[in-house]
Protein backbone atom coordinates (compact mmCIF):
# COMPACT_ATOMS: atom_id res chain seq x y z
CA MET A 1 113.26 101.89 98.09
CA SER A 2 112.76 98.69 95.94
CA SER A 3 111.04 95.76 97.36
CA LEU A 4 114.14 93.65 97.04
CA GLU A 5 116.06 96.16 98.96
CA ALA A 6 113.40 96.15 101.68
CA ILE A 7 113.70 92.38 102.08
CA GLY A 8 117.48 92.13 101.59
CA LEU A 9 119.85 90.49 103.75
CA SER A 10 120.45 93.64 105.81
CA GLY A 11 116.91 93.31 107.25
CA PHE A 12 113.56 94.36 106.21
CA LYS A 13 110.96 96.82 107.33
CA LEU A 14 107.75 94.91 108.24
CA GLU A 15 105.76 98.03 108.47
CA ILE A 16 105.64 98.29 104.82
CA ASP A 17 102.60 96.40 103.49
CA ILE A 18 104.17 95.29 100.18
CA VAL A 19 107.15 93.79 101.98
CA GLN A 20 104.72 91.83 104.31
CA ASN A 21 102.78 90.57 101.17
CA ILE A 22 106.03 89.57 99.41
CA ILE A 23 107.31 87.63 102.36
CA LYS A 24 103.95 85.96 102.88
CA ASP A 25 103.57 84.93 99.20
CA TYR A 26 107.18 83.88 98.95
CA THR A 27 106.78 81.70 102.05
CA HIS A 28 103.60 80.18 100.83
CA LEU A 29 105.03 79.40 97.32
CA ALA A 30 108.34 78.07 98.86
CA ASN A 31 106.52 75.75 101.28
CA SER A 32 104.46 74.51 98.25
CA GLY A 33 107.70 73.34 96.66
CA LYS A 34 108.02 76.21 94.22
CA ILE A 35 111.43 77.63 93.37
CA ILE A 36 111.38 81.32 93.46
CA ILE A 37 114.05 83.55 91.88
CA LEU A 38 113.99 87.26 92.70
CA CYS A 39 115.76 89.52 90.27
CA CYS A 40 116.48 93.12 90.48
CA ILE A 41 115.79 94.86 87.13
CA PRO A 42 117.70 98.17 86.92
CA SER A 43 115.63 101.27 86.11
CA HIS A 44 116.63 104.19 84.04
CA VAL A 45 119.73 102.40 82.73
CA ASN A 46 119.34 102.67 79.05
CA ILE A 47 116.90 99.82 78.76
CA HIS A 48 115.06 99.94 75.40
CA GLY A 49 111.69 101.67 75.89
CA ASN A 50 112.39 102.56 79.47
CA ASP A 51 112.97 106.28 78.77
CA ARG A 52 109.67 106.53 76.93
CA ALA A 53 107.88 104.72 79.76
CA ASP A 54 109.51 106.99 82.35
CA THR A 55 108.49 109.99 80.27
CA ALA A 56 104.86 108.73 80.00
CA ALA A 57 104.67 107.90 83.71
CA LYS A 58 105.89 111.40 84.64
CA SER A 59 103.45 113.11 82.31
CA ALA A 60 100.54 111.15 83.73
CA LEU A 61 101.16 112.72 87.14
CA SER A 62 99.64 115.87 85.83
CA LEU A 63 96.41 114.20 84.65
CA PRO A 64 93.24 114.26 86.68
CA ILE A 65 92.47 111.27 88.84
CA THR A 66 89.54 109.24 87.53
CA ASN A 67 87.84 106.59 89.75
CA ILE A 68 87.01 103.43 87.95
CA ALA A 69 85.13 100.54 89.60
CA PHE A 70 86.04 96.94 88.46
CA SER A 71 85.47 93.47 89.74
CA MET A 72 87.90 90.65 89.99
């Protein structure tokens, strides 16, 4: 399920962390006077390069997991 579907007009599922984060960030930005436009970008619909990205992502599933530490 996409994040936009999760927060859509038909209701949203607050148990999903990403949905809670989107709502929190959206509310904070909107209350700060920012204008937010959410767009749904279709996937796997003949978008240039999307097929290659999808193939690369699927092939990466078979690679070993490597832990990398980084600081922000």
